[in-house]
């Protein structure tokens, strides 16, 4: 795990700096609360840990079922 120190408004670039996967910016710091601004492509999921844990605990959703093919009737 990498731990970095950043001030409000400063950023961390994730991936290649010429074409980053995403950017994390320190939006604000108030007392013991830090607000992060996460800039990632829509195809990359970003979840809080408690939400990620809920996703892992949920059983997979069945979207469709496969039915066996009906035998062809010839004339």
Protein backbone atom coordinates (compact mmCIF):
# COMPACT_ATOMS: atom_id res chain seq x y z
CA UNK A 1 0.00 0.00 0.00
CA UNK A 2 1.24 3.45 -0.92
CA UNK A 3 0.57 6.25 1.57
CA UNK A 4 1.01 9.82 0.34
CA UNK A 5 0.58 13.18 2.00
CA UNK A 6 -1.45 15.72 0.05
CA UNK A 7 -2.87 19.15 0.83
CA UNK A 8 -6.28 20.45 -0.17
CA UNK A 9 -6.46 20.88 -3.96
CA UNK A 10 -3.50 18.59 -4.66
CA UNK A 11 -3.87 15.48 -6.81
CA UNK A 12 -2.61 11.93 -7.22
CA UNK A 13 -2.43 10.57 -10.78
CA UNK A 14 -3.22 6.84 -11.16
CA UNK A 15 -1.44 5.11 -14.05
CA UNK A 16 0.64 6.58 -16.85
CA UNK A 17 0.81 10.39 -16.42
CA UNK A 18 0.46 10.84 -20.21
CA UNK A 19 -2.78 8.81 -20.23
CA UNK A 20 -3.89 8.26 -16.62
CA UNK A 21 -6.46 5.69 -15.56
CA UNK A 22 -7.79 8.24 -13.11
CA UNK A 23 -7.09 11.16 -10.83
CA UNK A 24 -7.76 11.56 -7.10
CA UNK A 25 -7.94 15.15 -5.82
CA UNK A 26 -8.25 16.32 -2.22
CA UNK A 27 -11.43 18.41 -2.54
CA UNK A 28 -11.51 19.70 1.05
CA UNK A 29 -10.34 19.02 4.57
CA UNK A 30 -12.48 20.04 7.54
CA UNK A 31 -11.44 18.74 10.94
CA UNK A 32 -11.11 14.97 10.68
CA UNK A 33 -13.15 14.78 7.42
CA UNK A 34 -11.46 14.62 4.02
CA UNK A 35 -13.48 14.95 0.80
CA UNK A 36 -12.00 13.25 -2.25
CA UNK A 37 -12.83 14.00 -5.88
CA UNK A 38 -12.38 10.87 -8.01
CA UNK A 39 -12.08 11.27 -11.78
CA UNK A 40 -12.21 7.84 -13.46
CA UNK A 41 -13.79 6.56 -16.68
CA UNK A 42 -17.39 5.34 -16.32
CA UNK A 43 -16.36 1.74 -17.07
CA UNK A 44 -14.26 1.59 -13.88
CA UNK A 45 -16.31 0.93 -10.76
CA UNK A 46 -15.46 3.07 -7.74
CA UNK A 47 -17.18 2.09 -4.47
CA UNK A 48 -16.83 2.91 -0.79
CA UNK A 49 -15.53 -0.13 1.14
CA UNK A 50 -18.87 -0.77 2.88
CA UNK A 51 -20.68 -0.78 -0.48
CA UNK A 52 -18.04 -3.05 -2.04
CA UNK A 53 -18.50 -5.49 0.87
CA UNK A 54 -22.29 -5.50 0.33
CA UNK A 55 -21.77 -6.25 -3.36
CA UNK A 56 -19.51 -9.18 -2.46
CA UNK A 57 -22.06 -10.57 0.02
CA UNK A 58 -25.03 -10.44 -2.39
CA UNK A 59 -25.83 -13.59 -4.32
CA UNK A 60 -25.40 -13.19 -8.07
CA UNK A 61 -28.49 -12.05 -9.96
CA UNK A 62 -29.90 -14.48 -12.49
CA UNK A 63 -30.57 -12.53 -15.66
CA UNK A 64 -31.83 -15.37 -17.85
CA UNK A 65 -32.18 -19.12 -17.94
CA UNK A 66 -31.21 -21.45 -20.76
CA UNK A 67 -33.95 -23.79 -21.90
CA UNK A 68 -33.18 -26.96 -23.82
CA UNK A 69 -33.93 -26.78 -27.53
CA UNK A 70 -37.19 -28.35 -28.68
CA UNK A 71 -36.71 -31.23 -31.11
CA UNK A 72 -37.46 -30.22 -34.70
CA UNK A 73 -40.54 -31.75 -36.24
CA UNK A 74 -40.20 -32.69 -39.89
CA UNK A 75 -42.93 -33.10 -42.49
